[in-house]
Amino acid sequence: MSLNVKHAMGFALMISLMIPARLFAVGQRPVSVPAPLESKPNIVFILVDDLGQRDLGCYGSTFYETPNVDRLAKEGMRFTDAYAACQVCSPTRASIMSGQWPQRTGVTDYIGAAGPDKWNRNTRLRPAPYSDRLALDTPTLAKAMKAAGYATFFTGKWHLGPEGWWPENQGFDINKGGCDKGGPYGGKKYFSPYANPRLSDGPEGEHLPDRLATETATFIEANKERPFFAYFSFYSVHTPLMARPDLQKKYEEKREKLGLSPKWGKEGAREVRLVQEHAVYAAMVEAMDLAVGKVLAKLDELGLSENTLVILTSDNGGLSTSEGSPTSNLPLRGGKGWMYEGGIREPLIVRWPSVVKAGNVIAAPVSSPDFFPTLLDVAKAQPQPGQAVDGVSLLPLFKGQELKARALFWHYPHYGNQGGAPSAAIRRGPWKLIHWMEDDRVELFDLSKDLSETTNLAEKEPQRMAQLRAELVAWQKKVGAKFPTPNATYAPGKSEGRSEKGNKKVLKF
């Protein structure tokens, strides 16, 4: 036996004698030891449904209280120019799971929207067809992480297809929720009993955000000795507008103390909320923050925070023009369902203490397809041979480096429920061009000087407009974008036939 081997064995014996025997007693759980930094990091991906960028304290909200998310931003990096791949949910979710623009996946509208075969609205165009499920042969993020040796977990809202296309069919080992029934969808409530086929009911009145956090924390503890990928996908802060009574009362009192009252503007034919003062929505935001805090506390308790990458983002902008119009996205224009910044610009916070410098603020434009290559890069995994990946890895940004300049794209050939119409857009540098398909109209904005998109520079910048429009058209061809078609039954002057309930006339909060 070599001298080095003898020394190694002697050192191991010495260490074993130093470990208290009580750690090995029957029924006792060993004290957690943080994983060495050279090992694969754990990943917690948090997606909040309909959370607007300005709904967080660290992004400027002065009414909603989000101390746990604000702490996450302070301990990590905050992105100012992060985008969802679409202004509504399912396409963005598909882009996160696939690393592709929604146009490649075919999921270009929220699943459950009426397709052209059922379309009966009186609109100028008939929306393009779209897929109502993410194909099972899609090389998903969960499949890639599982192949890289990660334990994979999903809880919350899925919205990427019916049963048979749920998380357990797309690479997740465990699915707690992960469907579009139960919770607010089907049960129409955020309190147990949930009537969710993948999430057992809790005690009467148990709050759904807290339950999802508990499920996530339980998974983390059960897998603390191996790399894990936990995807925590909130049902909130999506409608129905329903909150814990104690938190609702807190914000009703805060609103009265601050003297806040609703103020309204116009976005197209819709009224748009201009002030954050909705007590129920504020309570929903705080409940989300408390749930995030519960997961972060579990990471701290187990000594896993240092080597765990935590990402928090949203699937589209805050709801400001429909269904209660509960939030304001100012200074961003519009909200969920709109191609303006309020509909697509998102919060994005990244914490990874062993890699990311605390307190960094990143202005580089990034988008939801970037998460796929980023997490594969972090996990030292590779996409499948020939797999199309549209996003780019953000790992260089995490390490203080820069990304190569590029354009971001959007294409939404549908009518949303919030007042938005078929449109496409491109952002390159500070310049953003929007093409409205109904009347072939173009808007051009310099976001560095006009974040609120109030001044259309298309006529003043014809060359720039033409260049961006050509680049957008080339991208649409590349990804196989589908377009709406003329509606032969369109009757000008008649109602569109779409409910606008939820505007301020029916608000009760």
Protein backbone atom coordinates (compact mmCIF):
# COMPACT_ATOMS: atom_id res chain seq x y z
CA MET A 1 0.00 0.00 0.00
CA SER A 2 1.41 3.39 -0.95
CA LEU A 3 2.19 6.07 1.60
CA ASN A 4 -0.42 8.43 0.07
CA VAL A 5 -3.15 5.84 0.35
CA LYS A 6 -2.22 5.13 3.98
CA HIS A 7 -2.38 8.83 4.76
CA ALA A 8 -5.77 9.13 3.04
CA MET A 9 -7.20 6.18 4.98
CA GLY A 10 -5.84 7.53 8.25
CA PHE A 11 -7.36 10.95 7.57
CA ALA A 12 -10.74 9.40 6.76
CA LEU A 13 -10.64 7.40 10.00
CA MET A 14 -9.77 10.50 11.99
CA ILE A 15 -12.67 12.44 10.46
CA SER A 16 -15.11 9.60 11.15
CA LEU A 17 -14.11 9.54 14.82
CA MET A 18 -14.75 13.28 15.07
CA ILE A 19 -18.37 12.98 13.86
CA PRO A 20 -20.77 12.79 16.82
CA ALA A 21 -22.40 9.39 17.12
CA ARG A 22 -25.81 11.00 17.62
CA LEU A 23 -25.94 11.84 13.91
CA PHE A 24 -26.15 8.14 13.13
CA ALA A 25 -28.73 7.21 15.76
CA VAL A 26 -31.81 5.49 14.42
CA GLY A 27 -34.48 8.00 13.41
CA GLN A 28 -32.16 10.97 13.44
CA ARG A 29 -31.62 13.08 10.33
CA PRO A 30 -27.97 13.96 9.67
CA VAL A 31 -27.03 17.62 9.84
CA SER A 32 -26.97 18.99 6.30
CA VAL A 33 -23.57 19.90 4.93
CA PRO A 34 -23.51 22.40 2.04
CA ALA A 35 -22.56 20.81 -1.26
CA PRO A 36 -19.06 21.70 -2.48
CA LEU A 37 -19.12 24.58 -4.95
CA GLU A 38 -17.52 22.49 -7.66
CA SER A 39 -20.56 20.20 -7.74
CA LYS A 40 -23.53 20.85 -9.98
CA PRO A 41 -25.64 23.65 -8.51
CA ASN A 42 -29.24 23.22 -7.47
CA ILE A 43 -31.81 25.23 -9.43
CA VAL A 44 -35.06 26.77 -8.22
CA PHE A 45 -37.07 28.40 -11.01
CA ILE A 46 -39.99 30.55 -9.82
CA LEU A 47 -42.61 31.69 -12.32
CA VAL A 48 -45.31 34.06 -11.07
CA ASP A 49 -48.46 34.22 -13.19
CA ASP A 50 -49.37 37.72 -14.47
CA LEU A 51 -46.86 39.51 -12.22
CA GLY A 52 -46.08 42.93 -13.67
CA GLN A 53 -42.54 44.27 -13.51
CA ARG A 54 -43.67 47.22 -11.39
CA ASP A 55 -45.53 44.99 -8.90
CA LEU A 56 -42.38 44.50 -6.80
CA GLY A 57 -40.78 46.88 -4.34
CA CYS A 58 -37.37 46.40 -5.93
CA TYR A 59 -38.87 47.62 -9.23
CA GLY A 60 -40.51 50.68 -7.74
CA SER A 61 -43.87 49.67 -6.27
CA THR A 62 -44.76 51.89 -3.31
CA PHE A 63 -48.03 50.11 -2.41
CA TYR A 64 -47.35 46.37 -2.66
CA GLU A 65 -44.95 44.89 -0.08
CA THR A 66 -42.47 42.25 -1.27
CA PRO A 67 -39.60 42.05 1.26
CA ASN A 68 -38.58 38.48 0.38
CA VAL A 69 -38.33 39.12 -3.36
CA ASP A 70 -36.61 42.43 -2.63
CA ARG A 71 -34.08 40.54 -0.51
CA LEU A 72 -33.56 38.14 -3.41
CA ALA A 73 -32.75 41.09 -5.67
CA LYS A 74 -30.40 42.63 -3.08
CA GLU A 75 -28.51 39.37 -2.73
CA GLY A 76 -28.43 38.73 -6.48
CA MET A 77 -28.93 40.61 -9.74
CA ARG A 78 -31.95 42.42 -11.10
CA PHE A 79 -32.66 42.75 -14.83
CA THR A 80 -34.30 45.98 -16.03
CA ASP A 81 -34.94 44.89 -19.63
CA ALA A 82 -36.15 41.29 -19.33
CA TYR A 83 -39.02 40.20 -21.56
CA ALA A 84 -41.61 37.48 -21.88
CA ALA A 85 -41.77 35.84 -25.29
CA CYS A 86 -45.45 36.76 -25.52
CA GLN A 87 -47.95 39.10 -23.88
CA VAL A 88 -50.08 36.13 -22.76
CA CYS A 89 -49.15 33.07 -20.74
CA SER A 90 -48.99 29.74 -22.61
CA PRO A 91 -46.63 30.88 -25.40
CA THR A 92 -44.17 32.21 -22.83
CA ARG A 93 -44.39 28.98 -20.84
CA ALA A 94 -43.70 26.97 -24.00
CA SER A 95 -40.67 29.13 -24.75
CA ILE A 96 -39.24 28.57 -21.26
CA MET A 97 -39.64 24.80 -21.54
CA SER A 98 -38.28 24.55 -25.10
CA GLY A 99 -35.79 27.41 -25.49
CA GLN A 100 -37.62 28.29 -28.70
CA TRP A 101 -39.70 31.20 -29.88
CA PRO A 102 -43.39 30.28 -29.47
CA GLN A 103 -43.83 30.29 -33.23
CA ARG A 104 -41.65 27.17 -33.51
CA THR A 105 -43.65 25.28 -30.86
CA GLY A 106 -46.99 26.28 -32.41
CA VAL A 107 -48.26 27.49 -29.01
CA THR A 108 -48.86 31.13 -29.91
CA ASP A 109 -51.97 31.92 -27.83
CA TYR A 110 -53.08 31.00 -24.35
CA ILE A 111 -54.38 27.44 -24.30
CA GLY A 112 -58.15 27.57 -23.98
CA ALA A 113 -58.59 30.57 -26.26
CA ALA A 114 -61.13 30.07 -29.02
CA GLY A 115 -59.36 29.02 -32.21
CA PRO A 116 -60.37 30.20 -35.70
CA ASP A 117 -62.67 27.19 -36.11
CA LYS A 118 -64.75 28.47 -33.17
CA TRP A 119 -64.15 32.17 -33.71
CA ASN A 120 -67.33 34.25 -33.66
CA ARG A 121 -66.10 37.70 -32.68
CA ASN A 122 -66.81 40.58 -34.99
CA THR A 123 -63.17 41.45 -35.68
CA ARG A 124 -61.47 42.62 -38.83
CA LEU A 125 -59.20 39.57 -38.93
CA ARG A 126 -59.63 35.92 -38.10
CA PRO A 127 -56.80 34.77 -35.82
CA ALA A 128 -54.22 32.28 -36.98
CA PRO A 129 -54.44 28.61 -35.91
CA TYR A 130 -52.32 27.51 -32.98
CA SER A 131 -51.48 24.35 -31.03
CA ASP A 132 -53.31 23.74 -27.76
CA ARG A 133 -50.51 21.58 -26.28
CA LEU A 134 -46.73 21.39 -26.18
CA ALA A 135 -45.79 18.38 -28.32
CA LEU A 136 -44.59 15.36 -26.35
CA ASP A 137 -41.51 14.99 -28.52
CA THR A 138 -40.33 18.48 -27.57
CA PRO A 139 -36.85 18.34 -25.97
CA THR A 140 -37.95 20.11 -22.81
CA LEU A 141 -35.94 21.75 -20.06
CA ALA A 142 -37.09 19.09 -17.59
CA LYS A 143 -35.97 16.25 -19.86
CA ALA A 144 -32.56 17.84 -20.27
CA MET A 145 -32.14 18.41 -16.53
CA LYS A 146 -33.21 14.86 -15.76
CA ALA A 147 -30.68 13.51 -18.27
CA ALA A 148 -28.02 15.62 -16.53
CA GLY A 149 -28.67 13.81 -13.25
CA TYR A 150 -31.07 16.25 -11.61
CA ALA A 151 -34.12 15.35 -9.56
CA THR A 152 -36.96 17.24 -11.28
CA PHE A 153 -40.05 18.71 -9.63
CA PHE A 154 -43.00 20.83 -10.74
CA THR A 155 -45.73 22.47 -8.72
CA GLY A 156 -48.46 24.92 -9.68
CA LYS A 157 -49.85 26.09 -12.98
CA TRP A 158 -48.78 24.26 -16.15
CA HIS A 159 -51.06 25.54 -18.96
CA LEU A 160 -49.27 23.63 -21.71
CA GLY A 161 -51.85 21.04 -22.61
CA PRO A 162 -54.49 18.62 -21.32
CA GLU A 163 -53.94 15.48 -19.28
CA GLY A 164 -51.38 13.34 -21.04
CA TRP A 165 -49.35 16.48 -21.75
CA TRP A 166 -48.80 17.42 -18.11
CA PRO A 167 -45.40 17.84 -16.37
CA GLU A 168 -44.95 14.13 -15.67
CA ASN A 169 -45.20 13.57 -19.44
CA GLN A 170 -42.60 16.23 -20.19
CA GLY A 171 -39.68 15.19 -17.99
CA PHE A 172 -40.64 15.98 -14.40
CA ASP A 173 -40.21 13.22 -11.81
CA ILE A 174 -42.79 14.77 -9.49
CA ASN A 175 -45.84 16.85 -10.35
CA LYS A 176 -47.69 18.54 -7.47
CA GLY A 177 -50.44 20.45 -9.26
CA GLY A 178 -49.06 21.07 -12.69
CA CYS A 179 -52.37 21.18 -14.51
CA ASP A 180 -55.00 23.76 -15.34
CA LYS A 181 -57.78 22.31 -13.24
CA GLY A 182 -58.34 22.92 -9.58
CA GLY A 183 -57.08 25.94 -7.72
CA PRO A 184 -58.39 29.04 -9.44
CA TYR A 185 -59.04 27.05 -12.61
CA GLY A 186 -62.03 24.77 -12.15
CA GLY A 187 -62.42 25.25 -8.41
CA LYS A 188 -62.37 29.02 -9.00
CA LYS A 189 -60.66 29.63 -5.69
CA TYR A 190 -57.32 29.92 -3.96
CA PHE A 191 -58.32 28.03 -0.83
CA SER A 192 -58.67 24.31 -0.09
CA PRO A 193 -60.46 22.18 -1.14
CA TYR A 194 -58.71 22.74 -4.48
CA ALA A 195 -60.27 19.93 -6.56
CA ASN A 196 -56.88 19.57 -8.25
CA PRO A 197 -56.13 16.07 -9.64
CA ARG A 198 -52.40 16.34 -8.90
CA LEU A 199 -52.55 18.25 -5.61
CA SER A 200 -54.36 16.71 -2.66
CA ASP A 201 -56.70 18.97 -0.72
CA GLY A 202 -55.31 20.43 2.48
CA PRO A 203 -57.13 21.53 5.61
CA GLU A 204 -60.26 23.58 4.97
CA GLY A 205 -59.19 27.10 4.02
CA GLU A 206 -55.52 26.31 3.36
CA HIS A 207 -54.07 29.00 1.07
CA LEU A 208 -52.82 27.75 -2.29
CA PRO A 209 -49.61 29.86 -2.61
CA ASP A 210 -48.46 28.68 0.82
CA ARG A 211 -49.28 25.06 -0.01
CA LEU A 212 -47.23 25.20 -3.21
CA ALA A 213 -44.32 26.65 -1.24
CA THR A 214 -44.62 23.81 1.27
CA GLU A 215 -44.55 21.23 -1.52
CA THR A 216 -41.43 22.89 -2.98
CA ALA A 217 -39.68 23.03 0.39
CA THR A 218 -40.52 19.36 1.04
CA PHE A 219 -39.01 18.35 -2.30
CA ILE A 220 -35.86 20.38 -1.61
CA GLU A 221 -35.34 18.72 1.76
CA ALA A 222 -35.93 15.24 0.33
CA ASN A 223 -33.31 15.84 -2.40
CA LYS A 224 -30.74 17.91 -0.54
CA GLU A 225 -28.00 15.34 -1.14
CA ARG A 226 -28.24 15.46 -4.95
CA PRO A 227 -28.67 18.17 -7.59
CA PHE A 228 -32.30 19.19 -7.96
CA PHE A 229 -34.38 21.29 -10.35
CA ALA A 230 -37.51 22.68 -8.71
CA TYR A 231 -39.97 24.57 -10.94
CA PHE A 232 -42.34 26.55 -8.71
CA SER A 233 -45.08 27.94 -10.97
CA PHE A 234 -47.60 30.09 -9.09
CA TYR A 235 -51.28 30.15 -10.03
CA SER A 236 -51.30 33.65 -8.54
CA VAL A 237 -51.38 36.57 -9.06
CA HIS A 238 -53.78 35.62 -11.87
CA THR A 239 -57.52 36.10 -11.41
CA PRO A 240 -59.83 35.32 -9.66
CA LEU A 241 -59.08 38.30 -7.44
CA MET A 242 -59.18 36.49 -4.11
CA ALA A 243 -56.94 36.96 -1.07
CA ARG A 244 -56.42 36.10 2.57
CA PRO A 245 -58.87 38.30 4.54
CA ASP A 246 -56.17 39.50 6.97
CA LEU A 247 -53.92 40.68 4.14
CA GLN A 248 -56.82 42.28 2.29
CA LYS A 249 -57.74 44.25 5.42
CA LYS A 250 -54.12 45.35 5.81
CA TYR A 251 -54.09 46.92 2.36
CA GLU A 252 -57.54 48.44 2.67
CA GLU A 253 -56.23 50.27 5.74
CA LYS A 254 -53.00 51.18 3.98
CA ARG A 255 -54.91 52.56 0.99
CA GLU A 256 -57.05 54.71 3.27
CA LYS A 257 -54.04 55.93 5.23
CA LEU A 258 -52.25 56.95 2.01
CA GLY A 259 -55.37 58.55 0.58
CA LEU A 260 -55.21 56.52 -2.62
CA SER A 261 -58.12 56.19 -5.03
CA PRO A 262 -58.49 54.72 -8.51
CA LYS A 263 -57.30 56.74 -11.51
CA TRP A 264 -57.96 55.70 -15.09
CA GLY A 265 -56.61 56.37 -18.54
CA LYS A 266 -57.36 54.91 -21.97
CA GLU A 267 -55.57 52.23 -23.95
CA GLY A 268 -57.42 51.84 -27.22
CA ALA A 269 -61.06 51.32 -26.30
CA ARG A 270 -60.17 50.06 -22.82
CA GLU A 271 -59.79 51.83 -19.52
CA VAL A 272 -56.36 51.27 -18.02
CA ARG A 273 -55.53 51.55 -14.32
CA LEU A 274 -52.99 54.27 -13.52
CA VAL A 275 -52.50 53.82 -9.76
CA GLN A 276 -51.55 50.78 -7.70
CA GLU A 277 -54.14 50.76 -4.90
CA HIS A 278 -56.17 47.54 -5.37
CA ALA A 279 -56.25 45.99 -1.87
CA VAL A 280 -57.09 42.44 -2.93
CA TYR A 281 -54.39 42.36 -5.59
CA ALA A 282 -51.86 43.82 -3.14
CA ALA A 283 -52.73 41.03 -0.71
CA MET A 284 -52.21 38.45 -3.47
CA VAL A 285 -48.80 39.92 -4.25
CA GLU A 286 -47.77 39.77 -0.59
CA ALA A 287 -48.97 36.16 -0.29
CA MET A 288 -46.79 35.33 -3.29
CA ASP A 289 -43.86 37.03 -1.58
CA LEU A 290 -44.44 35.08 1.64
CA ALA A 291 -44.43 31.83 -0.34
CA VAL A 292 -41.13 32.78 -1.98
CA GLY A 293 -39.77 33.54 1.47
CA LYS A 294 -40.75 30.07 2.69
CA VAL A 295 -38.70 28.43 -0.07
CA LEU A 296 -35.71 30.71 0.52
CA ALA A 297 -35.86 29.93 4.25
CA LYS A 298 -35.69 26.20 3.51
CA LEU A 299 -32.58 26.71 1.38
CA ASP A 300 -31.00 28.68 4.23
CA GLU A 301 -31.98 26.08 6.82
CA LEU A 302 -30.38 23.28 4.84
CA GLY A 303 -27.24 25.23 4.02
CA LEU A 304 -27.99 25.10 0.29
CA SER A 305 -28.32 28.77 -0.58
CA GLU A 306 -24.70 29.32 -1.61
CA ASN A 307 -24.79 26.76 -4.39
CA THR A 308 -28.42 27.15 -5.48
CA LEU A 309 -29.36 29.24 -8.49
CA VAL A 310 -32.71 30.92 -7.87
CA ILE A 311 -34.52 32.61 -10.76
CA LEU A 312 -37.77 34.55 -10.39
CA THR A 313 -39.73 35.93 -13.33
CA SER A 314 -43.23 36.20 -14.84
CA ASP A 315 -45.06 34.96 -17.94
CA ASN A 316 -46.46 38.31 -19.14
CA GLY A 317 -47.20 41.82 -17.92
CA GLY A 318 -49.54 42.90 -15.15
CA LEU A 319 -53.29 42.90 -15.78
CA SER A 320 -54.32 46.54 -16.24
CA THR A 321 -57.10 46.72 -18.87
CA SER A 322 -59.47 43.82 -18.16
CA GLU A 323 -60.88 41.32 -15.64
CA GLY A 324 -60.78 43.75 -12.75
CA SER A 325 -57.77 45.70 -14.04
CA PRO A 326 -56.09 45.15 -10.67
CA THR A 327 -52.68 46.74 -11.24
CA SER A 328 -50.90 49.62 -12.92
CA ASN A 329 -47.70 49.09 -14.90
CA LEU A 330 -46.72 52.76 -15.18
CA PRO A 331 -44.45 54.11 -16.49
CA LEU A 332 -44.76 51.12 -18.83
CA ARG A 333 -47.61 51.40 -21.31
CA GLY A 334 -50.49 48.92 -21.45
CA GLY A 335 -50.40 45.53 -19.74
CA LYS A 336 -51.13 41.85 -20.21
CA GLY A 337 -52.37 41.14 -23.75
CA TRP A 338 -50.69 44.21 -25.26
CA MET A 339 -47.51 44.47 -27.33
CA TYR A 340 -46.48 47.59 -25.43
CA GLU A 341 -43.86 47.32 -22.68
CA GLY A 342 -46.44 46.84 -19.93
CA GLY A 343 -47.50 43.60 -21.61
CA ILE A 344 -44.10 42.05 -22.27
CA ARG A 345 -41.44 43.60 -20.01
CA GLU A 346 -40.96 41.37 -16.97
CA PRO A 347 -39.33 41.22 -13.59
CA LEU A 348 -36.28 38.98 -13.62
CA ILE A 349 -34.19 38.37 -10.52
CA VAL A 350 -31.28 35.93 -10.29
CA ARG A 351 -29.48 34.87 -7.12
CA TRP A 352 -26.53 32.48 -7.04
CA PRO A 353 -24.17 33.58 -4.27
CA SER A 354 -21.23 31.43 -5.39
CA VAL A 355 -21.28 33.05 -8.84
CA VAL A 356 -23.47 36.18 -9.05
CA LYS A 357 -22.26 39.43 -7.51
CA ALA A 358 -24.86 40.80 -5.10
CA GLY A 359 -26.62 44.03 -6.01
CA ASN A 360 -25.91 43.96 -9.75
CA VAL A 361 -28.40 45.65 -12.06
CA ILE A 362 -28.36 44.37 -15.65
CA ALA A 363 -29.74 46.40 -18.56
CA ALA A 364 -29.07 43.87 -21.33
CA PRO A 365 -32.31 42.88 -23.12
CA VAL A 366 -33.08 39.19 -22.50
CA SER A 367 -36.12 36.99 -23.15
CA SER A 368 -37.75 33.81 -21.85
CA PRO A 369 -36.24 31.46 -24.50
CA ASP A 370 -32.89 32.27 -22.85
CA PHE A 371 -33.69 30.25 -19.74
CA PHE A 372 -33.32 26.89 -21.52
CA PRO A 373 -29.72 27.33 -22.73
CA THR A 374 -28.82 29.14 -19.51
CA LEU A 375 -29.89 26.29 -17.24
CA LEU A 376 -28.31 23.68 -19.50
CA ASP A 377 -25.09 25.69 -19.34
CA VAL A 378 -25.32 25.88 -15.55
CA ALA A 379 -25.98 22.12 -15.31
CA LYS A 380 -23.17 21.31 -17.77
CA ALA A 381 -25.73 19.68 -20.05
CA GLN A 382 -26.11 19.73 -23.82
CA PRO A 383 -29.17 20.12 -26.07
CA GLN A 384 -30.10 17.15 -28.20
CA PRO A 385 -28.30 16.84 -31.57
CA GLY A 386 -30.03 19.03 -34.13
CA GLN A 387 -32.27 20.67 -31.55
CA ALA A 388 -33.22 24.26 -32.45
CA VAL A 389 -32.49 26.62 -29.54
CA ASP A 390 -33.39 30.26 -30.10
CA GLY A 391 -32.29 31.62 -26.73
CA VAL A 392 -28.74 32.34 -25.59
CA SER A 393 -27.09 31.43 -22.31
CA LEU A 394 -27.12 34.22 -19.74
CA LEU A 395 -24.29 32.61 -17.77
CA PRO A 396 -21.78 35.22 -19.03
CA LEU A 397 -23.98 37.94 -17.50
CA PHE A 398 -24.08 36.02 -14.23
CA LYS A 399 -20.27 36.10 -14.25
CA GLY A 400 -20.01 39.82 -14.96
CA GLN A 401 -19.37 39.52 -18.69
CA GLU A 402 -21.39 40.89 -21.61
CA LEU A 403 -23.63 39.38 -24.28
CA LYS A 404 -23.28 40.01 -27.97
CA ALA A 405 -25.85 42.51 -29.22
CA ARG A 406 -28.91 40.89 -30.79
CA ALA A 407 -32.57 41.52 -31.60
CA LEU A 408 -35.58 40.20 -29.68
CA PHE A 409 -38.85 39.33 -31.45
CA TRP A 410 -42.57 38.87 -30.81
CA HIS A 411 -45.42 37.66 -33.02
CA TYR A 412 -49.02 37.43 -31.77
CA PRO A 413 -51.54 36.72 -34.59
CA HIS A 414 -54.52 36.73 -32.22
CA TYR A 415 -56.97 38.93 -30.32
CA GLY A 416 -56.48 38.79 -26.57
CA ASN A 417 -59.04 39.26 -23.83
CA GLN A 418 -57.41 42.46 -22.64
CA GLY A 419 -57.92 44.62 -25.75
CA GLY A 420 -54.77 43.80 -27.69
CA ALA A 421 -54.95 42.96 -31.40
CA PRO A 422 -52.80 40.93 -33.84
CA SER A 423 -49.31 42.39 -33.83
CA ALA A 424 -45.60 41.68 -34.10
CA ALA A 425 -42.56 43.49 -32.76
CA ILE A 426 -38.79 43.68 -32.77
CA ARG A 427 -36.39 45.31 -30.34
CA ARG A 428 -32.81 46.02 -31.33
CA GLY A 429 -30.78 48.19 -29.01
CA PRO A 430 -33.06 50.92 -27.66
CA TRP A 431 -35.31 50.80 -30.73
CA LYS A 432 -38.61 48.95 -30.77
CA LEU A 433 -40.90 48.57 -33.78
CA ILE A 434 -44.49 47.31 -33.53
CA HIS A 435 -46.43 46.17 -36.59
CA TRP A 436 -50.22 46.18 -36.14
CA MET A 437 -51.67 43.65 -38.56
CA GLU A 438 -55.25 44.94 -38.85
CA ASP A 439 -54.30 48.11 -40.73
CA ASP A 440 -50.63 47.40 -41.58
CA ARG A 441 -49.65 50.24 -39.23
CA VAL A 442 -46.16 50.64 -37.77
CA GLU A 443 -45.01 52.31 -34.57
CA LEU A 444 -41.36 53.03 -33.76
CA PHE A 445 -40.11 53.99 -30.30
CA ASP A 446 -36.76 54.90 -28.78
CA LEU A 447 -37.08 53.22 -25.39
CA SER A 448 -33.98 54.93 -24.03
CA LYS A 449 -35.82 58.26 -24.24
CA ASP A 450 -39.44 57.17 -24.33
CA LEU A 451 -40.01 54.20 -22.01
CA SER A 452 -43.76 54.91 -21.99
CA GLU A 453 -43.97 54.62 -25.80
CA THR A 454 -45.77 57.91 -26.34
CA THR A 455 -43.97 59.26 -29.43
CA ASN A 456 -44.15 57.32 -32.70
CA LEU A 457 -40.95 58.05 -34.65
CA ALA A 458 -41.81 55.98 -37.74
CA GLU A 459 -42.14 59.00 -40.03
CA LYS A 460 -39.04 60.72 -38.64
CA GLU A 461 -36.89 57.60 -38.92
CA PRO A 462 -37.93 55.97 -42.22
CA GLN A 463 -34.60 54.22 -42.83
CA ARG A 464 -34.44 52.74 -39.34
CA MET A 465 -38.10 51.74 -39.60
CA ALA A 466 -37.48 49.96 -42.91
CA GLN A 467 -34.42 48.12 -41.56
CA LEU A 468 -36.24 46.87 -38.47
CA ARG A 469 -39.32 45.90 -40.45
CA ALA A 470 -37.18 43.89 -42.87
CA GLU A 471 -35.42 42.13 -40.00
CA LEU A 472 -38.77 41.30 -38.40
CA VAL A 473 -40.14 39.87 -41.65
CA ALA A 474 -37.01 37.75 -42.15
CA TRP A 475 -37.37 36.35 -38.62
CA GLN A 476 -41.08 35.58 -39.16
CA LYS A 477 -40.16 33.53 -42.22
CA LYS A 478 -37.35 31.76 -40.37
CA VAL A 479 -39.57 30.56 -37.50
CA GLY A 480 -42.60 29.76 -39.68
CA ALA A 481 -44.87 32.39 -38.15
CA LYS A 482 -48.57 32.07 -39.01
CA PHE A 483 -50.72 35.10 -39.80
CA PRO A 484 -54.37 36.05 -39.31
CA THR A 485 -56.62 36.23 -42.37
CA PRO A 486 -59.40 38.66 -43.41
CA ASN A 487 -62.74 38.02 -41.75
CA ALA A 488 -65.38 37.87 -44.49
CA THR A 489 -68.21 38.38 -41.98
CA TYR A 490 -66.73 41.46 -40.35
CA ALA A 491 -69.35 44.21 -39.91
CA PRO A 492 -67.81 47.65 -39.27
CA GLY A 493 -69.55 49.67 -36.60
CA LYS A 494 -70.98 46.67 -34.75
CA SER A 495 -69.79 45.44 -31.39
CA GLU A 496 -66.86 43.08 -31.39
CA GLY A 497 -68.90 40.67 -29.30
CA ARG A 498 -66.21 40.28 -26.67
CA SER A 499 -66.98 40.82 -23.01
CA GLU A 500 -65.16 43.71 -21.37
CA LYS A 501 -66.30 42.85 -17.86
CA GLY A 502 -63.80 43.85 -15.25
CA ASN A 503 -63.43 47.46 -16.33
CA LYS A 504 -63.79 50.00 -13.57
CA LYS A 505 -67.61 50.12 -13.72
CA VAL A 506 -67.83 46.65 -12.20
CA LEU A 507 -64.89 46.82 -9.82
CA LYS A 508 -65.80 46.08 -6.20
CA PHE A 509 -62.41 46.37 -4.54
